[in-house]
């Protein structure tokens, strides 16, 4: 296999890049940070958006043709909750949804 993927940086001109994992390569903190920044920019651009972690994996992240790591998305979402960017709400049906935190 002659492929060595790199990720494009998120910039204002290209707000939703992608992170392509490579088989056999350890995921680096830069990959995680990039995914978190993509989610942060998405919620700023779409302030009314809300969804479950699974829905966010399918809809908020760029579709690169490579499966998204659910644990990585969950960690990124929890990090954004801890930073006060997202609110985490458990619905009566037991599903957890994430949305932009509204100012008090």
Foldseek 3Di string as FASTA:
>chain_A
DPDDDDWDAADPVRNATADDDDPPDDDDVVSLVRVLSLQLVQCVVVQFDKDFLVCCQVPSHDCPVDHDDSVSSVVSQVVCVVVQQWDWDQDPVRTIMIGGHDDD
